[in-house]
Amino acid sequence: MVGLDNPLHLAILLAVLLLIFGAKRLPELGRSLGAGMRGFKEAVTGESNSPPATELPARAGDRAAAQTPDQVGARPPAQ
């Protein structure tokens, strides 16, 4: 029988992968393969499984926190 439909073929393939990459590296490879497949799916379908990012409205007291580093210490514009 040719192909990966036979459980013995899958077992042999997993054993070879374990010998080549080692037990420590296999989970890392699986995670990176899964992340690549998710990224490919998102690129093809245009959908994202992550929740959309929402911005909170700024309060008056948070104005200093919202400034960029080059704006800190700058004088306000003259009126």
Protein backbone atom coordinates (compact mmCIF):
# COMPACT_ATOMS: atom_id res chain seq x y z
CA MET A 1 0.00 0.00 0.00
CA VAL A 2 1.40 3.41 -0.98
CA GLY A 3 0.70 6.61 0.92
CA LEU A 4 0.16 7.71 4.49
CA ASP A 5 -3.19 5.98 4.92
CA ASN A 6 -1.53 3.04 6.68
CA PRO A 7 -0.89 3.62 10.44
CA LEU A 8 2.44 1.80 10.15
CA HIS A 9 3.64 4.37 7.60
CA LEU A 10 2.71 7.21 9.96
CA ALA A 11 4.53 5.52 12.84
CA ILE A 12 7.67 5.08 10.73
CA LEU A 13 7.48 8.71 9.59
CA LEU A 14 7.15 9.95 13.18
CA ALA A 15 10.08 7.78 14.27
CA VAL A 16 12.29 9.17 11.49
CA LEU A 17 11.29 12.75 12.39
CA LEU A 18 12.07 12.04 16.04
CA LEU A 19 15.52 10.73 15.10
CA ILE A 20 16.27 13.69 12.82
CA PHE A 21 14.97 16.60 14.92
CA GLY A 22 14.89 15.20 18.46
CA ALA A 23 12.14 15.23 21.05
CA LYS A 24 12.82 18.79 22.19
CA ARG A 25 12.56 20.33 18.74
CA LEU A 26 9.39 18.57 17.47
CA PRO A 27 6.89 20.70 19.49
CA GLU A 28 8.60 23.87 18.26
CA LEU A 29 8.32 22.67 14.67
CA GLY A 30 4.65 21.84 15.17
CA ARG A 31 3.89 25.29 16.61
CA SER A 32 5.71 27.10 13.81
CA LEU A 33 4.00 24.95 11.18
CA GLY A 34 0.60 25.70 12.74
CA ALA A 35 1.33 29.43 12.89
CA GLY A 36 2.39 29.39 9.24
CA MET A 37 -0.78 27.57 8.23
CA ARG A 38 -2.93 30.08 10.18
CA GLY A 39 -1.11 32.98 8.53
CA PHE A 40 -1.60 31.45 5.11
CA LYS A 41 -5.31 30.91 5.80
CA GLU A 42 -5.73 34.51 6.96
CA ALA A 43 -3.94 35.79 3.86
CA VAL A 44 -6.10 33.70 1.52
CA THR A 45 -9.48 34.28 3.17
CA GLY A 46 -8.87 37.76 4.54
CA GLU A 47 -10.28 36.72 7.92
CA SER A 48 -8.63 36.94 11.31
CA ASN A 49 -9.36 34.81 14.37
CA SER A 50 -7.96 37.40 16.75
CA PRO A 51 -10.39 39.89 18.31
CA PRO A 52 -10.28 43.38 16.81
CA ALA A 53 -8.22 45.91 18.72
CA THR A 54 -10.25 48.75 20.20
CA GLU A 55 -8.93 52.06 21.39
CA LEU A 56 -10.10 53.47 24.66
CA PRO A 57 -11.07 57.15 24.66
CA ALA A 58 -8.37 59.36 26.16
CA ARG A 59 -9.11 61.18 29.38
CA ALA A 60 -7.87 64.69 30.08
CA GLY A 61 -5.49 63.43 32.78
CA ASP A 62 -3.91 60.91 30.38
CA ARG A 63 -2.66 63.57 27.98
CA ALA A 64 0.94 63.27 29.23
CA ALA A 65 0.88 59.51 28.73
CA ALA A 66 -0.36 59.91 25.16
CA GLN A 67 2.55 62.14 24.13
CA THR A 68 5.41 60.79 22.10
CA PRO A 69 8.94 61.10 23.56
CA ASP A 70 9.76 64.06 21.31
CA GLN A 71 6.65 65.94 22.54
CA VAL A 72 7.48 65.59 26.24
CA GLY A 73 8.78 68.87 27.58
CA ALA A 74 7.76 70.78 24.45
CA ARG A 75 5.93 74.03 24.98
CA PRO A 76 2.29 74.21 23.92
CA PRO A 77 1.62 76.21 20.74
CA ALA A 78 1.12 79.95 21.23
CA GLN A 79 -2.42 81.23 20.94
